[in-house]
Amino acid sequence: MKFTIERNSLLKTLGHVQSVVERRNTIPILSNVMIEADGEGVAMTATDLDISIVEKTGAAVAQPGATTVPAHTLFDIARKLPDGAEVELTLEDGDRLVVKAGRSRFTLACLDKEDFPTMSESDLPHRFAIAAEELKRLIDKARFAISTEETRYYLNGIYLHVANSDAGATLRAVATDGHRLAQVEQEVPEGATGMPGIIVPRKTVAEVRKLIDEYEGDVVVALSDTKMRFSFDSTVVTSKLIDGTFPDYSRVIPQGNDKMLEIDCRLFSQAVDRVSTISSDKTRSVKLSLAEDTLKLSVNSPDSGTAREELAAAYSSDELEIGFNSRYLMDILAQIEGDMVQVMLADPSAPTVLKDLMDEGALYVLMPMRV
């Protein structure tokens, strides 16, 4: 195998695939990236057995071939080479990859490509295309609520399914960690109607979001009950799905919250941030006191002191005091695109619903806490 590639192309492709490689691996081959050169260019593949990323890039291939080399080492070499350098990669004696650029020369130990695990191309019967912008929205507005608690593994991802709402069938993404819930929906893409409900793992969500960041076309999604594949540009991401049952989240979305608060989202978030500075406990709790057209925020900390702030708001229901985890509240407010946020409350112990007046397809639920 021998080919020449522009340093920026090498760095970009390696940067995309090597991020799935764990820094510490008990299986040596999983620390490597597979490089395959043929007449069409170079394909690079990395996997952690749960997710695999394949990306193709252009290169001048003098001799086709394939091998595997340490992913992070090759990435670090490419990162430190001068911008615009031409990089020549040559496989010598079957077990050494020689990397040359200008006067620099590196020799890397290779492992047999036959030992590199490939994710089986199992049948993925459900297939649809979704605009990258729409996929970014589904991910961005839901991912903050993904649970990191490993014992409740079925909450460690985004639940993607077709749901029936008042407006008809929608493609809905839901994430929750038991304290807050994000539900984001949009029109069902053509071909997605019969798809099963699936839980996309947190790592897959993060990798796909990173890869489509600057991409503006359609992403082709293919899936089965156990696997999912995203294809776009010159990249293919294949991932196992979480094998578990997502809880019936509709039961925690209250329907009868009759106390309505409307407030400037940015001012509200900044005020929560300011008063929570004084909070010393882990929960960083903040108390909201609602009265006619006013909202008072307060924090009482036995160690640090107290903080108070008052905001003008549209509120005409009975007076109410309720407490929230300030970080969870700010996470939700960060998702609101419009100037105003609508907060629907019932009582100090009932879940609270927050809505973005600019985005009817997004809804958030936050559990209160005792303060």
Protein backbone atom coordinates (compact mmCIF):
# COMPACT_ATOMS: atom_id res chain seq x y z
CA MET A 1 0.00 0.00 0.00
CA LYS A 2 1.26 3.43 -0.93
CA PHE A 3 -0.55 6.73 -1.32
CA THR A 4 -0.09 10.48 -0.98
CA ILE A 5 -2.64 12.68 0.75
CA GLU A 6 -2.87 16.36 1.62
CA ARG A 7 -2.27 16.92 5.34
CA ASN A 8 -5.58 18.75 5.95
CA SER A 9 -7.60 15.93 4.32
CA LEU A 10 -5.77 13.36 6.43
CA LEU A 11 -6.28 15.40 9.61
CA LYS A 12 -9.97 16.02 8.97
CA THR A 13 -10.78 12.38 8.22
CA LEU A 14 -8.70 11.05 11.12
CA GLY A 15 -10.29 13.63 13.42
CA HIS A 16 -13.74 12.33 12.52
CA VAL A 17 -13.05 8.62 12.94
CA GLN A 18 -10.54 8.52 15.83
CA SER A 19 -12.94 10.14 18.29
CA VAL A 20 -14.76 6.81 18.79
CA VAL A 21 -11.49 5.08 19.79
CA GLU A 22 -11.22 4.77 23.56
CA ARG A 23 -7.93 5.98 25.06
CA ARG A 24 -7.61 2.81 27.13
CA ASN A 25 -8.29 -0.46 25.39
CA THR A 26 -7.85 -4.01 26.63
CA ILE A 27 -8.11 -5.21 23.01
CA PRO A 28 -5.10 -3.71 21.13
CA ILE A 29 -6.74 -3.76 17.67
CA LEU A 30 -9.50 -1.42 18.94
CA SER A 31 -6.86 1.29 19.45
CA ASN A 32 -6.18 1.21 15.72
CA VAL A 33 -7.74 2.81 12.66
CA MET A 34 -8.07 0.70 9.52
CA ILE A 35 -6.75 2.40 6.38
CA GLU A 36 -7.87 0.99 3.01
CA ALA A 37 -6.52 2.48 -0.22
CA ASP A 38 -7.96 1.70 -3.65
CA GLY A 39 -8.46 3.41 -7.00
CA GLU A 40 -11.20 5.68 -5.61
CA GLY A 41 -9.16 7.05 -2.69
CA VAL A 42 -8.73 6.14 0.95
CA ALA A 43 -11.29 4.86 3.48
CA MET A 44 -10.58 5.05 7.22
CA THR A 45 -12.53 3.04 9.80
CA ALA A 46 -12.56 3.10 13.60
CA THR A 47 -14.78 1.20 16.04
CA ASP A 48 -15.32 0.45 19.73
CA LEU A 49 -17.56 -2.58 18.90
CA ASP A 50 -20.71 -0.54 19.66
CA ILE A 51 -20.25 2.18 17.06
CA SER A 52 -18.17 2.34 13.89
CA ILE A 53 -17.33 5.29 11.66
CA VAL A 54 -16.12 4.94 8.07
CA GLU A 55 -15.04 8.02 6.13
CA LYS A 56 -13.66 8.22 2.59
CA THR A 57 -11.35 10.93 1.32
CA GLY A 58 -9.43 11.67 -1.86
CA ALA A 59 -5.80 10.61 -2.22
CA ALA A 60 -3.29 9.76 -4.96
CA VAL A 61 -3.05 5.97 -4.62
CA ALA A 62 0.10 4.47 -6.14
CA GLN A 63 -0.47 0.99 -4.73
CA PRO A 64 -3.77 -0.28 -3.24
CA GLY A 65 -3.74 -2.10 0.08
CA ALA A 66 -4.92 -2.02 3.69
CA THR A 67 -3.55 -2.04 7.22
CA THR A 68 -4.32 -0.85 10.75
CA VAL A 69 -2.27 1.65 12.79
CA PRO A 70 -2.67 3.33 16.21
CA ALA A 71 -5.41 5.94 15.66
CA HIS A 72 -4.42 8.55 18.23
CA THR A 73 -0.72 8.39 17.31
CA LEU A 74 -1.38 8.92 13.60
CA PHE A 75 -3.83 11.72 14.42
CA ASP A 76 -1.24 13.46 16.63
CA ILE A 77 1.38 13.16 13.86
CA ALA A 78 -1.00 14.67 11.29
CA ARG A 79 -1.93 17.45 13.72
CA LYS A 80 1.72 18.45 14.17
CA LEU A 81 2.68 18.40 10.50
CA PRO A 82 2.84 21.78 8.71
CA ASP A 83 -0.33 23.06 7.10
CA GLY A 84 -0.58 22.14 3.40
CA ALA A 85 2.09 19.42 3.59
CA GLU A 86 1.88 16.43 1.24
CA VAL A 87 1.94 13.26 3.34
CA GLU A 88 3.14 9.97 1.90
CA LEU A 89 2.06 6.74 3.63
CA THR A 90 3.75 3.48 2.66
CA LEU A 91 3.23 -0.01 4.10
CA GLU A 92 6.58 -1.81 4.37
CA ASP A 93 7.09 -5.50 5.14
CA GLY A 94 3.38 -5.80 5.95
CA ASP A 95 3.77 -4.64 9.54
CA ARG A 96 5.20 -1.10 9.43
CA LEU A 97 3.62 2.08 8.10
CA VAL A 98 6.10 4.74 7.05
CA VAL A 99 4.75 8.28 7.17
CA LYS A 100 6.76 10.94 5.31
CA ALA A 101 6.14 14.67 5.04
CA GLY A 102 8.94 17.03 3.97
CA ARG A 103 11.94 16.09 6.09
CA SER A 104 9.86 14.28 8.72
CA ARG A 105 9.66 10.50 8.77
CA PHE A 106 7.73 8.27 11.17
CA THR A 107 7.46 4.51 11.34
CA LEU A 108 4.40 3.03 13.03
CA ALA A 109 3.80 -0.57 14.06
CA CYS A 110 0.78 -2.13 12.33
CA LEU A 111 -1.60 -4.89 13.35
CA ASP A 112 -3.10 -7.37 10.90
CA LYS A 113 -6.15 -5.95 9.14
CA GLU A 114 -7.77 -9.40 9.29
CA ASP A 115 -8.11 -8.99 13.08
CA PHE A 116 -9.95 -5.66 12.74
CA PRO A 117 -13.60 -6.11 13.78
CA THR A 118 -16.25 -5.05 11.30
CA MET A 119 -19.85 -4.36 12.26
CA SER A 120 -22.02 -6.80 10.34
CA GLU A 121 -24.05 -5.30 7.54
CA SER A 122 -27.26 -6.81 8.89
CA ASP A 123 -30.61 -6.11 7.28
CA LEU A 124 -31.83 -2.59 8.06
CA PRO A 125 -35.41 -2.65 6.73
CA HIS A 126 -36.49 0.88 7.67
CA ARG A 127 -34.94 3.67 5.66
CA PHE A 128 -35.62 7.39 5.35
CA ALA A 129 -33.86 10.68 4.63
CA ILE A 130 -33.89 13.62 7.03
CA ALA A 131 -32.41 17.07 6.47
CA ALA A 132 -29.24 17.60 8.53
CA GLU A 133 -30.74 20.79 10.02
CA GLU A 134 -33.78 18.86 11.27
CA LEU A 135 -31.61 16.10 12.75
CA LYS A 136 -29.42 18.72 14.48
CA ARG A 137 -32.56 20.28 16.00
CA LEU A 138 -33.84 16.93 17.32
CA ILE A 139 -30.45 16.17 18.87
CA ASP A 140 -29.66 19.64 20.24
CA LYS A 141 -32.98 20.18 21.97
CA ALA A 142 -33.11 16.71 23.58
CA ARG A 143 -29.58 15.58 24.35
CA PHE A 144 -29.08 17.68 27.52
CA ALA A 145 -31.69 15.54 29.30
CA ILE A 146 -30.02 12.18 28.55
CA SER A 147 -29.30 10.30 31.78
CA THR A 148 -25.70 9.46 32.70
CA GLU A 149 -26.78 6.95 35.36
CA GLU A 150 -25.48 3.61 34.12
CA THR A 151 -27.87 1.55 36.25
CA ARG A 152 -30.81 2.95 34.26
CA TYR A 153 -29.13 2.14 30.97
CA TYR A 154 -32.39 2.45 29.00
CA LEU A 155 -32.31 6.22 29.72
CA ASN A 156 -28.73 6.59 28.39
CA GLY A 157 -29.87 7.76 24.97
CA ILE A 158 -32.52 9.51 22.90
CA TYR A 159 -35.77 7.63 22.30
CA LEU A 160 -36.67 8.13 18.62
CA HIS A 161 -40.11 7.01 17.46
CA VAL A 162 -43.18 7.91 15.45
CA ALA A 163 -45.89 9.26 17.75
CA ASN A 164 -49.48 10.30 17.21
CA SER A 165 -50.27 13.81 18.37
CA ASP A 166 -53.14 16.24 17.81
CA ALA A 167 -51.45 17.37 14.61
CA GLY A 168 -51.18 13.78 13.32
CA ALA A 169 -48.14 11.50 13.17
CA THR A 170 -44.80 13.08 14.14
CA LEU A 171 -41.20 11.92 14.43
CA ARG A 172 -40.45 12.45 18.11
CA ALA A 173 -37.19 12.49 20.08
CA VAL A 174 -37.44 12.13 23.87
CA ALA A 175 -34.76 12.13 26.56
CA THR A 176 -35.09 12.10 30.33
CA ASP A 177 -32.96 11.50 33.41
CA GLY A 178 -35.88 11.31 35.84
CA HIS A 179 -35.47 14.97 36.90
CA ARG A 180 -36.19 16.68 33.58
CA LEU A 181 -37.61 15.59 30.25
CA ALA A 182 -37.22 16.96 26.72
CA GLN A 183 -39.67 16.11 23.95
CA VAL A 184 -38.99 17.40 20.44
CA GLU A 185 -41.01 16.55 17.37
CA GLN A 186 -41.29 17.29 13.69
CA GLU A 187 -42.98 16.05 10.54
CA VAL A 188 -42.43 12.34 9.84
CA PRO A 189 -39.92 11.90 6.98
CA GLU A 190 -41.10 9.80 4.06
CA GLY A 191 -40.36 6.13 4.77
CA ALA A 192 -40.18 6.47 8.57
CA THR A 193 -43.84 5.74 9.33
CA GLY A 194 -43.42 2.05 10.16
CA MET A 195 -40.14 2.35 12.09
CA PRO A 196 -39.88 0.76 15.56
CA GLY A 197 -39.23 2.91 18.64
CA ILE A 198 -35.44 2.89 19.20
CA ILE A 199 -33.04 4.21 21.83
CA VAL A 200 -29.97 5.83 20.23
CA PRO A 201 -26.98 5.65 22.65
CA ARG A 202 -25.50 8.85 24.10
CA LYS A 203 -22.09 8.30 22.43
CA THR A 204 -23.70 7.77 19.01
CA VAL A 205 -25.78 10.93 19.45
CA ALA A 206 -22.62 12.93 20.27
CA GLU A 207 -20.59 11.51 17.35
CA VAL A 208 -23.32 12.00 14.76
CA ARG A 209 -23.98 15.56 15.96
CA LYS A 210 -20.28 16.38 15.68
CA LEU A 211 -20.00 14.93 12.18
CA ILE A 212 -23.04 16.73 10.74
CA ASP A 213 -22.10 20.07 12.31
CA GLU A 214 -21.02 21.66 9.03
CA TYR A 215 -23.05 19.40 6.72
CA GLU A 216 -26.18 20.84 5.11
CA GLY A 217 -27.62 18.08 2.91
CA ASP A 218 -29.80 15.08 3.72
CA VAL A 219 -28.79 12.31 6.13
CA VAL A 220 -29.96 8.84 5.08
CA VAL A 221 -31.02 6.82 8.13
CA ALA A 222 -31.44 3.04 7.98
CA LEU A 223 -32.43 1.02 11.04
CA SER A 224 -33.67 -2.23 12.51
CA ASP A 225 -34.63 -3.17 16.07
CA THR A 226 -30.96 -3.52 17.07
CA LYS A 227 -28.86 -1.35 14.72
CA MET A 228 -28.86 2.03 13.05
CA ARG A 229 -26.85 3.56 10.23
CA PHE A 230 -26.39 7.23 9.30
CA SER A 231 -24.99 7.93 5.79
CA PHE A 232 -24.07 11.42 4.63
CA ASP A 233 -21.41 13.10 2.52
CA SER A 234 -18.54 10.56 2.48
CA THR A 235 -19.22 9.21 5.99
CA VAL A 236 -21.11 6.19 7.33
CA VAL A 237 -21.83 5.78 11.05
CA THR A 238 -23.15 2.38 12.18
CA SER A 239 -24.25 1.87 15.77
CA LYS A 240 -25.84 -0.70 18.00
CA LEU A 241 -29.00 0.50 19.73
CA ILE A 242 -29.73 0.28 23.45
CA ASP A 243 -31.49 -3.02 24.13
CA GLY A 244 -34.14 -1.93 26.61
CA THR A 245 -37.63 -0.51 26.96
CA PHE A 246 -37.98 3.25 27.26
CA PRO A 247 -40.51 4.13 29.99
CA ASP A 248 -43.97 5.49 29.17
CA TYR A 249 -42.89 9.12 29.33
CA SER A 250 -46.36 10.46 28.49
CA ARG A 251 -47.44 9.66 32.05
CA VAL A 252 -45.09 12.28 33.52
CA ILE A 253 -46.19 15.07 31.16
CA PRO A 254 -48.97 16.82 33.11
CA GLN A 255 -52.05 17.93 31.20
CA GLY A 256 -53.85 19.97 33.86
CA ASN A 257 -51.29 22.62 34.81
CA ASP A 258 -53.50 25.72 34.96
CA LYS A 259 -51.15 28.40 36.35
CA MET A 260 -49.48 30.19 33.45
CA LEU A 261 -46.31 32.27 33.64
CA GLU A 262 -44.79 34.04 30.63
CA ILE A 263 -41.42 35.69 31.06
CA ASP A 264 -38.43 36.93 29.07
CA CYS A 265 -36.29 33.81 28.74
CA ARG A 266 -32.88 35.54 28.68
CA LEU A 267 -33.58 37.73 31.72
CA PHE A 268 -35.02 34.73 33.59
CA SER A 269 -31.97 32.55 32.87
CA GLN A 270 -29.52 35.30 33.86
CA ALA A 271 -31.40 35.94 37.12
CA VAL A 272 -31.40 32.21 38.00
CA ASP A 273 -27.67 32.11 37.28
CA ARG A 274 -26.99 35.14 39.49
CA VAL A 275 -28.96 34.08 42.58
CA SER A 276 -27.70 30.47 42.41
CA THR A 277 -24.14 31.76 42.84
CA ILE A 278 -24.78 31.91 46.58
CA SER A 279 -25.99 28.30 46.74
CA SER A 280 -23.45 25.99 48.32
CA ASP A 281 -25.25 22.66 48.15
CA LYS A 282 -24.89 20.26 45.23
CA THR A 283 -28.46 20.76 44.12
CA ARG A 284 -28.04 24.54 43.72
CA SER A 285 -31.73 24.96 44.47
CA VAL A 286 -33.57 28.19 43.75
CA LYS A 287 -37.03 29.21 45.03
CA LEU A 288 -39.52 30.91 42.71
CA SER A 289 -42.27 32.97 44.33
CA LEU A 290 -45.06 33.96 41.93
CA ALA A 291 -47.53 36.76 42.51
CA GLU A 292 -49.48 39.02 40.15
CA ASP A 293 -47.13 40.00 37.28
CA THR A 294 -44.01 39.46 39.40
CA LEU A 295 -41.56 36.65 39.91
CA LYS A 296 -39.20 36.65 42.88
CA LEU A 297 -36.18 34.37 42.90
CA SER A 298 -34.42 33.57 46.15
CA VAL A 299 -31.68 31.35 47.51
CA ASN A 300 -30.97 30.78 51.20
CA SER A 301 -27.68 29.11 52.03
CA PRO A 302 -26.74 28.47 55.68
CA ASP A 303 -23.05 28.72 54.73
CA SER A 304 -22.95 31.54 52.18
CA GLY A 305 -25.87 33.85 52.85
CA THR A 306 -28.90 34.82 50.82
CA ALA A 307 -29.72 36.16 47.36
CA ARG A 308 -32.90 37.79 46.05
CA GLU A 309 -34.00 39.10 42.68
CA GLU A 310 -37.32 40.29 41.30
CA LEU A 311 -38.47 40.17 37.66
CA ALA A 312 -41.51 41.48 35.84
CA ALA A 313 -43.58 38.65 34.34
CA ALA A 314 -47.05 37.93 32.93
CA TYR A 315 -48.82 35.96 35.68
CA SER A 316 -52.40 36.29 36.92
CA SER A 317 -53.10 33.04 38.84
CA ASP A 318 -52.94 32.32 42.57
CA GLU A 319 -49.73 33.03 44.44
CA LEU A 320 -47.32 30.09 44.39
CA GLU A 321 -43.90 29.14 45.76
CA ILE A 322 -41.93 26.36 44.07
CA GLY A 323 -38.29 25.22 44.06
CA PHE A 324 -36.09 23.93 41.24
CA ASN A 325 -32.56 22.73 40.64
CA SER A 326 -31.08 25.88 39.10
CA ARG A 327 -28.76 24.00 36.73
CA TYR A 328 -31.61 21.89 35.35
CA LEU A 329 -33.76 25.01 34.92
CA MET A 330 -30.97 26.86 33.08
CA ASP A 331 -30.34 23.82 30.83
CA ILE A 332 -33.95 23.96 29.67
CA LEU A 333 -33.98 27.76 29.26
CA ALA A 334 -30.86 27.43 27.07
CA GLN A 335 -32.96 25.44 24.54
CA ILE A 336 -35.59 28.17 24.15
CA GLU A 337 -35.16 29.99 20.82
CA GLY A 338 -37.84 32.64 21.27
CA ASP A 339 -37.68 35.71 23.48
CA MET A 340 -40.41 34.43 25.83
CA VAL A 341 -40.77 31.15 27.69
CA GLN A 342 -44.14 29.82 28.80
CA VAL A 343 -44.15 28.04 32.17
CA MET A 344 -47.21 26.00 33.19
CA LEU A 345 -47.46 25.11 36.89
CA ALA A 346 -49.91 23.30 39.16
CA ASP A 347 -48.56 23.16 42.72
CA PRO A 348 -45.17 23.00 44.54
CA SER A 349 -44.87 19.22 44.17
CA ALA A 350 -46.19 18.68 40.62
CA PRO A 351 -44.07 18.53 37.44
CA THR A 352 -43.80 21.85 35.62
CA VAL A 353 -44.09 22.21 31.84
CA LEU A 354 -41.98 24.72 29.89
CA LYS A 355 -42.68 25.64 26.27
CA ASP A 356 -40.90 27.64 23.61
CA LEU A 357 -43.39 30.07 22.06
CA MET A 358 -41.28 30.09 18.88
CA ASP A 359 -41.18 26.30 18.53
CA GLU A 360 -44.43 24.41 18.99
CA GLY A 361 -42.67 21.08 18.49
CA ALA A 362 -40.56 21.37 21.65
CA LEU A 363 -41.78 20.72 25.20
CA TYR A 364 -39.87 20.35 28.47
CA VAL A 365 -40.85 18.95 31.86
CA LEU A 366 -39.01 19.78 35.08
CA MET A 367 -39.56 18.11 38.45
CA PRO A 368 -39.68 20.54 41.39
CA MET A 369 -37.66 20.12 44.58
CA ARG A 370 -38.21 21.06 48.19
CA VAL A 371 -36.52 24.33 49.20
